[in-house]
Amino acid sequence: MSRGFVKDGDQEEVPMVPQRAFLPAGVPNFVTRNGMDQLMAEKEALTREREDLGTSNENEKRIARNFINAKLQLLNSRITDARVIDPKEQPRDEVTFGATVSIMVVSSGKVQTFQITGVDEADISKGKISFISPLARALLNHKTGEKITLKREKEEIIYEITGISYI
């Protein structure tokens, strides 16, 4: 049908869906087993939400369904590309993906502990940082006792790795 025969109000709205956590093109989507479980639970929740749309207005229902379908499309792409990394197969004496790392800020003696996870499961409030974050990249392939330097905009922070474990 020609555009001339369509009323302006009849056009389907394209849902604005927020992007998922940033993952650079060409970078593998590493996830922990827990991260994959979280992605699958999110998929199940979105599928249930789509099935349980409870509005009587067909236009609102169609818009809500389109929004959920767009979110599912992004999520399914992330799941398809996911590569689950088993911590049991990682070297025990070196920081790699999935490691829980304790680090000490050399200048203050303050100790922090982080797990290096996938981009979708990273949550600093839970002590989980993405493997593509500057701190994680600086820590990767180093061992207990080694010092790393993280260059910030106005300073350099020196950390010492005080512990590595795989949960």
N, C-alpha and C. Protein backbone atom coordinates (compact mmCIF):
# COMPACT_ATOMS: atom_id res chain seq x y z
N MET A 1 0.84 -1.17 0.00
CA MET A 1 0.00 0.00 0.00
C MET A 1 0.89 1.24 0.00
N SER A 2 0.51 2.17 -0.81
CA SER A 2 1.24 3.42 -0.90
C SER A 2 1.10 4.22 0.39
N ARG A 3 2.10 4.98 0.73
CA ARG A 3 2.10 5.83 1.93
C ARG A 3 0.93 6.82 1.87
N GLY A 4 0.46 7.18 0.69
CA GLY A 4 -0.63 8.13 0.52
C GLY A 4 -1.96 7.62 1.07
N PHE A 5 -2.09 6.30 1.24
CA PHE A 5 -3.34 5.74 1.72
C PHE A 5 -3.33 5.37 3.20
N VAL A 6 -2.33 5.81 3.92
CA VAL A 6 -2.20 5.47 5.34
C VAL A 6 -2.32 6.75 6.16
N LYS A 7 -3.21 6.73 7.17
CA LYS A 7 -3.35 7.87 8.06
C LYS A 7 -2.14 7.94 8.98
N ASP A 8 -1.72 9.16 9.35
CA ASP A 8 -0.57 9.32 10.24
C ASP A 8 -0.73 8.55 11.53
N GLY A 9 -1.90 8.50 12.10
CA GLY A 9 -2.13 7.80 13.36
C GLY A 9 -2.07 6.29 13.26
N ASP A 10 -2.07 5.77 12.02
CA ASP A 10 -2.06 4.31 11.82
C ASP A 10 -0.66 3.72 11.81
N GLN A 11 0.35 4.56 11.82
CA GLN A 11 1.72 4.05 11.77
C GLN A 11 2.11 3.41 13.10
N GLU A 12 2.73 2.26 13.04
CA GLU A 12 3.19 1.54 14.23
C GLU A 12 4.37 2.28 14.85
N GLU A 13 4.30 2.50 16.13
CA GLU A 13 5.42 3.14 16.81
C GLU A 13 6.56 2.14 16.97
N VAL A 14 7.75 2.60 16.68
CA VAL A 14 8.93 1.77 16.87
C VAL A 14 9.34 1.91 18.33
N PRO A 15 9.35 0.80 19.08
CA PRO A 15 9.68 0.91 20.51
C PRO A 15 11.13 1.31 20.73
N MET A 16 11.34 2.21 21.67
CA MET A 16 12.69 2.61 22.06
C MET A 16 13.14 1.67 23.17
N VAL A 17 14.06 0.79 22.84
CA VAL A 17 14.53 -0.21 23.79
C VAL A 17 15.95 0.14 24.21
N PRO A 18 16.19 0.25 25.51
CA PRO A 18 17.56 0.55 25.94
C PRO A 18 18.49 -0.60 25.56
N GLN A 19 19.70 -0.23 25.15
CA GLN A 19 20.68 -1.24 24.78
C GLN A 19 21.12 -2.02 26.02
N ARG A 20 21.61 -3.20 25.80
CA ARG A 20 22.16 -4.01 26.87
C ARG A 20 23.53 -3.45 27.26
N ALA A 21 24.14 -4.01 28.26
CA ALA A 21 25.47 -3.58 28.68
C ALA A 21 26.41 -3.61 27.48
N PHE A 22 27.30 -2.63 27.40
CA PHE A 22 28.19 -2.48 26.26
C PHE A 22 29.16 -3.66 26.15
N LEU A 23 29.25 -4.19 24.96
CA LEU A 23 30.23 -5.22 24.62
C LEU A 23 30.78 -4.85 23.25
N PRO A 24 32.07 -4.50 23.18
CA PRO A 24 32.62 -4.06 21.89
C PRO A 24 32.48 -5.13 20.80
N ALA A 25 32.31 -4.68 19.59
CA ALA A 25 32.21 -5.59 18.44
C ALA A 25 33.45 -6.46 18.39
N GLY A 26 33.24 -7.74 18.13
CA GLY A 26 34.35 -8.67 17.99
C GLY A 26 34.88 -9.25 19.29
N VAL A 27 34.39 -8.74 20.45
CA VAL A 27 34.83 -9.26 21.74
C VAL A 27 33.88 -10.39 22.13
N PRO A 28 34.42 -11.57 22.47
CA PRO A 28 33.55 -12.68 22.86
C PRO A 28 32.72 -12.32 24.09
N ASN A 29 31.49 -12.84 24.12
CA ASN A 29 30.61 -12.59 25.25
C ASN A 29 30.83 -13.67 26.31
N PHE A 30 31.90 -13.51 27.09
CA PHE A 30 32.18 -14.45 28.17
C PHE A 30 31.17 -14.26 29.28
N VAL A 31 30.69 -15.36 29.83
CA VAL A 31 29.78 -15.32 30.98
C VAL A 31 30.15 -16.43 31.95
N THR A 32 29.85 -16.20 33.21
CA THR A 32 29.98 -17.27 34.20
C THR A 32 28.72 -18.12 34.11
N ARG A 33 28.71 -19.27 34.74
CA ARG A 33 27.50 -20.11 34.76
C ARG A 33 26.35 -19.32 35.39
N ASN A 34 26.64 -18.59 36.47
CA ASN A 34 25.62 -17.76 37.11
C ASN A 34 25.11 -16.69 36.16
N GLY A 35 26.00 -16.10 35.39
CA GLY A 35 25.61 -15.09 34.42
C GLY A 35 24.67 -15.65 33.36
N MET A 36 24.97 -16.87 32.88
CA MET A 36 24.09 -17.51 31.90
C MET A 36 22.74 -17.82 32.52
N ASP A 37 22.74 -18.28 33.76
CA ASP A 37 21.48 -18.54 34.46
C ASP A 37 20.65 -17.27 34.58
N GLN A 38 21.31 -16.14 34.84
CA GLN A 38 20.61 -14.86 34.94
C GLN A 38 20.00 -14.46 33.59
N LEU A 39 20.75 -14.66 32.51
CA LEU A 39 20.23 -14.35 31.18
C LEU A 39 19.02 -15.20 30.85
N MET A 40 19.09 -16.49 31.17
CA MET A 40 17.96 -17.39 30.89
C MET A 40 16.74 -17.04 31.74
N ALA A 41 16.96 -16.65 33.00
CA ALA A 41 15.85 -16.25 33.87
C ALA A 41 15.20 -14.97 33.34
N GLU A 42 16.02 -14.07 32.84
CA GLU A 42 15.49 -12.83 32.26
C GLU A 42 14.64 -13.15 31.03
N LYS A 43 15.10 -14.10 30.23
CA LYS A 43 14.34 -14.50 29.04
C LYS A 43 12.99 -15.10 29.44
N GLU A 44 13.00 -15.97 30.44
CA GLU A 44 11.75 -16.57 30.91
C GLU A 44 10.79 -15.50 31.44
N ALA A 45 11.32 -14.53 32.19
CA ALA A 45 10.47 -13.48 32.76
C ALA A 45 9.86 -12.62 31.64
N LEU A 46 10.65 -12.27 30.63
CA LEU A 46 10.12 -11.48 29.52
C LEU A 46 9.08 -12.27 28.72
N THR A 47 9.31 -13.55 28.54
CA THR A 47 8.35 -14.39 27.82
C THR A 47 7.03 -14.47 28.59
N ARG A 48 7.11 -14.66 29.91
CA ARG A 48 5.89 -14.67 30.73
C ARG A 48 5.17 -13.33 30.67
N GLU A 49 5.94 -12.25 30.75
CA GLU A 49 5.36 -10.92 30.71
C GLU A 49 4.61 -10.71 29.39
N ARG A 50 5.20 -11.16 28.29
CA ARG A 50 4.55 -11.02 26.98
C ARG A 50 3.25 -11.82 26.92
N GLU A 51 3.27 -13.02 27.52
CA GLU A 51 2.08 -13.86 27.52
C GLU A 51 0.98 -13.33 28.43
N ASP A 52 1.36 -12.59 29.46
CA ASP A 52 0.40 -12.13 30.46
C ASP A 52 -0.01 -10.67 30.29
N LEU A 53 0.18 -10.12 29.10
CA LEU A 53 -0.22 -8.73 28.91
C LEU A 53 -1.70 -8.60 29.22
N GLY A 54 -2.03 -7.74 30.17
CA GLY A 54 -3.40 -7.70 30.68
C GLY A 54 -4.17 -6.45 30.35
N THR A 55 -3.88 -5.81 29.28
CA THR A 55 -4.64 -4.61 28.94
C THR A 55 -5.73 -4.95 27.92
N SER A 56 -6.85 -4.29 28.02
CA SER A 56 -7.94 -4.56 27.09
C SER A 56 -7.80 -3.74 25.81
N ASN A 57 -6.98 -2.71 25.85
CA ASN A 57 -6.75 -1.87 24.68
C ASN A 57 -5.78 -2.58 23.74
N GLU A 58 -6.28 -2.95 22.56
CA GLU A 58 -5.45 -3.70 21.61
C GLU A 58 -4.22 -2.92 21.15
N ASN A 59 -4.35 -1.62 20.98
CA ASN A 59 -3.20 -0.81 20.56
C ASN A 59 -2.12 -0.82 21.63
N GLU A 60 -2.51 -0.62 22.90
CA GLU A 60 -1.54 -0.66 24.00
C GLU A 60 -0.89 -2.04 24.11
N LYS A 61 -1.68 -3.08 23.91
CA LYS A 61 -1.16 -4.45 23.99
C LYS A 61 -0.15 -4.69 22.88
N ARG A 62 -0.45 -4.22 21.67
CA ARG A 62 0.47 -4.40 20.54
C ARG A 62 1.77 -3.65 20.79
N ILE A 63 1.68 -2.42 21.30
CA ILE A 63 2.88 -1.63 21.58
C ILE A 63 3.71 -2.31 22.67
N ALA A 64 3.06 -2.79 23.73
CA ALA A 64 3.77 -3.48 24.82
C ALA A 64 4.42 -4.76 24.30
N ARG A 65 3.72 -5.51 23.46
CA ARG A 65 4.26 -6.75 22.90
C ARG A 65 5.48 -6.44 22.02
N ASN A 66 5.40 -5.38 21.21
CA ASN A 66 6.53 -5.00 20.36
C ASN A 66 7.74 -4.63 21.21
N PHE A 67 7.50 -3.92 22.32
CA PHE A 67 8.59 -3.52 23.21
C PHE A 67 9.26 -4.76 23.81
N ILE A 68 8.46 -5.69 24.29
CA ILE A 68 9.00 -6.93 24.88
C ILE A 68 9.73 -7.75 23.81
N ASN A 69 9.16 -7.84 22.62
CA ASN A 69 9.82 -8.59 21.55
C ASN A 69 11.17 -7.98 21.18
N ALA A 70 11.25 -6.65 21.19
CA ALA A 70 12.53 -5.99 20.89
C ALA A 70 13.56 -6.30 21.98
N LYS A 71 13.12 -6.28 23.25
CA LYS A 71 14.03 -6.63 24.34
C LYS A 71 14.47 -8.09 24.23
N LEU A 72 13.54 -8.97 23.88
CA LEU A 72 13.88 -10.39 23.71
C LEU A 72 14.86 -10.60 22.56
N GLN A 73 14.72 -9.83 21.51
CA GLN A 73 15.63 -9.97 20.37
C GLN A 73 17.06 -9.63 20.80
N LEU A 74 17.24 -8.54 21.54
CA LEU A 74 18.57 -8.18 22.03
C LEU A 74 19.10 -9.24 22.99
N LEU A 75 18.24 -9.72 23.88
CA LEU A 75 18.63 -10.73 24.87
C LEU A 75 19.00 -12.04 24.18
N ASN A 76 18.19 -12.48 23.22
CA ASN A 76 18.48 -13.73 22.51
C ASN A 76 19.81 -13.66 21.77
N SER A 77 20.11 -12.50 21.21
CA SER A 77 21.39 -12.32 20.54
C SER A 77 22.54 -12.49 21.54
N ARG A 78 22.38 -11.90 22.72
CA ARG A 78 23.41 -11.99 23.76
C ARG A 78 23.57 -13.43 24.23
N ILE A 79 22.46 -14.14 24.38
CA ILE A 79 22.51 -15.55 24.82
C ILE A 79 23.18 -16.41 23.75
N THR A 80 22.82 -16.19 22.50
CA THR A 80 23.39 -16.97 21.41
C THR A 80 24.91 -16.82 21.35
N ASP A 81 25.39 -15.60 21.60
CA ASP A 81 26.82 -15.33 21.52
C ASP A 81 27.59 -15.67 22.80
N ALA A 82 26.87 -16.04 23.86
CA ALA A 82 27.51 -16.28 25.16
C ALA A 82 28.42 -17.51 25.12
N ARG A 83 29.56 -17.36 25.81
CA ARG A 83 30.50 -18.47 25.98
C ARG A 83 30.72 -18.64 27.48
N VAL A 84 30.14 -19.70 28.03
CA VAL A 84 30.25 -19.96 29.47
C VAL A 84 31.67 -20.43 29.78
N ILE A 85 32.28 -19.75 30.74
CA ILE A 85 33.64 -20.11 31.17
C ILE A 85 33.53 -20.83 32.51
N ASP A 86 34.10 -22.01 32.58
CA ASP A 86 34.08 -22.81 33.80
C ASP A 86 35.29 -22.45 34.66
N PRO A 87 35.05 -21.92 35.88
CA PRO A 87 36.16 -21.53 36.73
C PRO A 87 37.09 -22.71 37.09
N LYS A 88 36.57 -23.92 37.05
CA LYS A 88 37.38 -25.09 37.39
C LYS A 88 38.48 -25.32 36.36
N GLU A 89 38.30 -24.76 35.18
CA GLU A 89 39.29 -24.95 34.11
C GLU A 89 40.29 -23.79 34.05
N GLN A 90 40.19 -22.84 34.95
CA GLN A 90 41.08 -21.68 34.96
C GLN A 90 42.32 -21.97 35.81
N PRO A 91 43.44 -21.37 35.46
CA PRO A 91 44.64 -21.55 36.29
C PRO A 91 44.42 -20.93 37.67
N ARG A 92 44.76 -21.64 38.72
CA ARG A 92 44.48 -21.20 40.10
C ARG A 92 45.38 -20.07 40.58
N ASP A 93 46.54 -19.92 39.98
CA ASP A 93 47.50 -18.94 40.50
C ASP A 93 47.54 -17.65 39.69
N GLU A 94 46.57 -17.46 38.81
CA GLU A 94 46.59 -16.32 37.90
C GLU A 94 45.19 -15.75 37.75
N VAL A 95 45.09 -14.44 37.59
CA VAL A 95 43.80 -13.78 37.41
C VAL A 95 43.32 -14.01 35.98
N THR A 96 42.16 -14.66 35.85
CA THR A 96 41.51 -14.84 34.56
C THR A 96 40.03 -14.60 34.76
N PHE A 97 39.27 -14.76 33.71
CA PHE A 97 37.82 -14.54 33.77
C PHE A 97 37.21 -15.44 34.84
N GLY A 98 36.32 -14.87 35.64
CA GLY A 98 35.64 -15.61 36.69
C GLY A 98 36.33 -15.57 38.04
N ALA A 99 37.55 -15.08 38.08
CA ALA A 99 38.31 -15.03 39.33
C ALA A 99 37.71 -14.01 40.29
N THR A 100 37.79 -14.34 41.57
CA THR A 100 37.51 -13.36 42.62
C THR A 100 38.87 -12.90 43.10
N VAL A 101 39.12 -11.60 42.99
CA VAL A 101 40.45 -11.05 43.22
C VAL A 101 40.40 -10.05 44.37
N SER A 102 41.29 -10.22 45.32
CA SER A 102 41.46 -9.22 46.38
C SER A 102 42.68 -8.38 46.02
N ILE A 103 42.48 -7.07 46.08
CA ILE A 103 43.56 -6.15 45.76
C ILE A 103 43.68 -5.10 46.85
N MET A 104 44.90 -4.66 47.05
CA MET A 104 45.16 -3.63 48.05
C MET A 104 45.68 -2.39 47.33
N VAL A 105 45.09 -1.24 47.68
CA VAL A 105 45.60 0.03 47.17
C VAL A 105 46.88 0.29 47.96
N VAL A 106 48.01 0.30 47.28
CA VAL A 106 49.31 0.39 47.94
C VAL A 106 49.42 1.66 48.79
N SER A 107 48.93 2.78 48.29
CA SER A 107 49.09 4.05 49.01
C SER A 107 48.28 4.13 50.30
N SER A 108 47.16 3.43 50.38
CA SER A 108 46.29 3.54 51.56
C SER A 108 46.18 2.25 52.36
N GLY A 109 46.51 1.13 51.74
CA GLY A 109 46.35 -0.16 52.40
C GLY A 109 44.93 -0.69 52.35
N LYS A 110 44.03 0.04 51.70
CA LYS A 110 42.64 -0.38 51.59
C LYS A 110 42.53 -1.61 50.69
N VAL A 111 41.79 -2.62 51.16
CA VAL A 111 41.62 -3.87 50.41
C VAL A 111 40.22 -3.92 49.82
N GLN A 112 40.14 -4.31 48.57
CA GLN A 112 38.87 -4.48 47.88
C GLN A 112 38.86 -5.85 47.23
N THR A 113 37.67 -6.42 47.10
CA THR A 113 37.53 -7.73 46.47
C THR A 113 36.48 -7.64 45.38
N PHE A 114 36.83 -8.16 44.20
CA PHE A 114 35.93 -8.14 43.05
C PHE A 114 35.96 -9.50 42.35
N GLN A 115 34.84 -9.85 41.75
CA GLN A 115 34.82 -10.99 40.84
C GLN A 115 34.78 -10.44 39.42
N ILE A 116 35.55 -11.02 38.54
CA ILE A 116 35.57 -10.60 37.14
C ILE A 116 34.53 -11.43 36.39
N THR A 117 33.52 -10.73 35.86
CA THR A 117 32.37 -11.40 35.26
C THR A 117 32.10 -10.88 33.85
N GLY A 118 31.02 -11.39 33.27
CA GLY A 118 30.56 -10.91 31.97
C GLY A 118 29.91 -9.54 32.09
N VAL A 119 29.72 -8.89 30.97
CA VAL A 119 29.20 -7.53 30.98
C VAL A 119 27.77 -7.46 31.50
N ASP A 120 26.96 -8.47 31.25
CA ASP A 120 25.56 -8.44 31.68
C ASP A 120 25.41 -8.70 33.17
N GLU A 121 26.35 -9.36 33.78
CA GLU A 121 26.22 -9.66 35.21
C GLU A 121 27.04 -8.74 36.10
N ALA A 122 27.82 -7.86 35.49
CA ALA A 122 28.64 -6.92 36.27
C ALA A 122 27.73 -6.00 37.10
N ASP A 123 28.08 -5.84 38.36
CA ASP A 123 27.32 -4.98 39.27
C ASP A 123 28.27 -4.61 40.41
N ILE A 124 28.79 -3.40 40.36
CA ILE A 124 29.80 -2.98 41.33
C ILE A 124 29.27 -3.07 42.76
N SER A 125 27.97 -2.86 42.95
CA SER A 125 27.40 -2.93 44.31
C SER A 125 27.44 -4.35 44.86
N LYS A 126 27.60 -5.34 43.98
CA LYS A 126 27.71 -6.74 44.39
C LYS A 126 29.15 -7.24 44.27
N GLY A 127 30.08 -6.33 44.00
CA GLY A 127 31.48 -6.72 43.89
C GLY A 127 31.80 -7.46 42.61
N LYS A 128 31.06 -7.18 41.53
CA LYS A 128 31.29 -7.84 40.25
C LYS A 128 31.63 -6.79 39.21
N ILE A 129 32.78 -6.97 38.56
CA ILE A 129 33.20 -6.03 37.52
C ILE A 129 33.32 -6.77 36.19
N SER A 130 33.02 -6.06 35.13
CA SER A 130 33.08 -6.61 33.79
C SER A 130 34.52 -6.89 33.37
N PHE A 131 34.70 -7.96 32.63
CA PHE A 131 36.05 -8.33 32.16
C PHE A 131 36.61 -7.30 31.19
N ILE A 132 35.78 -6.40 30.67
CA ILE A 132 36.30 -5.37 29.77
C ILE A 132 36.56 -4.04 30.49
N SER A 133 36.30 -4.01 31.80
CA SER A 133 36.56 -2.77 32.55
C SER A 133 38.07 -2.55 32.65
N PRO A 134 38.48 -1.29 32.80
CA PRO A 134 39.93 -1.02 32.89
C PRO A 134 40.62 -1.77 34.03
N LEU A 135 39.97 -1.87 35.20
CA LEU A 135 40.59 -2.57 36.32
C LEU A 135 40.75 -4.05 36.02
N ALA A 136 39.71 -4.67 35.49
CA ALA A 136 39.80 -6.10 35.17
C ALA A 136 40.88 -6.35 34.12
N ARG A 137 40.91 -5.53 33.09
CA ARG A 137 41.93 -5.71 32.05
C ARG A 137 43.34 -5.58 32.62
N ALA A 138 43.51 -4.66 33.59
CA ALA A 138 44.83 -4.48 34.21
C ALA A 138 45.21 -5.69 35.07
N LEU A 139 44.21 -6.34 35.67
CA LEU A 139 44.47 -7.48 36.56
C LEU A 139 44.71 -8.79 35.82
N LEU A 140 44.10 -8.95 34.67
CA LEU A 140 44.18 -10.23 33.95
C LEU A 140 45.62 -10.68 33.70
N ASN A 141 45.81 -11.97 33.93
CA ASN A 141 47.09 -12.66 33.70
C ASN A 141 48.17 -12.32 34.72
N HIS A 142 47.79 -11.70 35.84
CA HIS A 142 48.75 -11.41 36.91
C HIS A 142 48.52 -12.39 38.06
N LYS A 143 49.51 -12.45 38.96
CA LYS A 143 49.49 -13.42 40.06
C LYS A 143 49.51 -12.72 41.40
N THR A 144 49.20 -13.48 42.45
CA THR A 144 49.24 -12.96 43.81
C THR A 144 50.63 -12.39 44.10
N GLY A 145 50.63 -11.21 44.73
CA GLY A 145 51.89 -10.54 45.07
C GLY A 145 52.35 -9.55 44.02
N GLU A 146 51.84 -9.67 42.82
CA GLU A 146 52.23 -8.73 41.77
C GLU A 146 51.50 -7.40 41.94
N LYS A 147 52.14 -6.35 41.46
CA LYS A 147 51.55 -5.02 41.50
C LYS A 147 51.16 -4.61 40.08
N ILE A 148 50.03 -3.94 40.01
CA ILE A 148 49.57 -3.41 38.72
C ILE A 148 49.30 -1.92 38.90
N THR A 149 49.41 -1.19 37.82
CA THR A 149 49.15 0.24 37.85
C THR A 149 47.96 0.55 36.96
N LEU A 150 47.00 1.24 37.53
CA LEU A 150 45.83 1.67 36.78
C LEU A 150 45.96 3.17 36.57
N LYS A 151 46.07 3.57 35.33
CA LYS A 151 46.24 4.98 35.00
C LYS A 151 44.86 5.62 34.90
N ARG A 152 44.64 6.60 35.76
CA ARG A 152 43.40 7.37 35.76
C ARG A 152 43.68 8.71 35.10
N GLU A 153 42.65 9.51 34.94
CA GLU A 153 42.81 10.79 34.26
C GLU A 153 43.86 11.67 34.92
N LYS A 154 43.82 11.77 36.26
CA LYS A 154 44.72 12.68 36.96
C LYS A 154 45.73 11.97 37.85
N GLU A 155 45.67 10.65 37.92
CA GLU A 155 46.58 9.95 38.82
C GLU A 155 46.80 8.51 38.36
N GLU A 156 47.76 7.90 38.96
CA GLU A 156 48.00 6.47 38.77
C GLU A 156 47.76 5.81 40.12
N ILE A 157 47.01 4.71 40.10
CA ILE A 157 46.76 3.96 41.33
C ILE A 157 47.50 2.64 41.22
N ILE A 158 48.29 2.34 42.23
CA ILE A 158 49.04 1.08 42.25
C ILE A 158 48.31 0.12 43.18
N TYR A 159 48.01 -1.05 42.66
CA TYR A 159 47.36 -2.10 43.42
C TYR A 159 48.31 -3.28 43.57
N GLU A 160 48.18 -3.99 44.67
CA GLU A 160 48.88 -5.26 44.84
C GLU A 160 47.82 -6.34 44.93
N ILE A 161 48.00 -7.41 44.18
CA ILE A 161 47.06 -8.53 44.23
C ILE A 161 47.37 -9.34 45.49
N THR A 162 46.39 -9.40 46.38
CA THR A 162 46.60 -10.10 47.65
C THR A 162 45.93 -11.47 47.71
N GLY A 163 45.05 -11.76 46.75
CA GLY A 163 44.41 -13.07 46.75
C GLY A 163 43.65 -13.33 45.46
N ILE A 164 43.63 -14.59 45.06
CA ILE A 164 42.90 -15.02 43.86
C ILE A 164 42.16 -16.29 44.22
N SER A 165 40.87 -16.33 43.94
CA SER A 165 40.12 -17.58 44.15
C SER A 165 39.09 -17.74 43.05
N TYR A 166 38.66 -18.96 42.87
CA TYR A 166 37.62 -19.28 41.90
C TYR A 166 36.52 -20.00 42.63
N ILE A 167 35.36 -19.37 42.66
CA ILE A 167 34.22 -19.92 43.42
C ILE A 167 33.49 -20.94 42.59
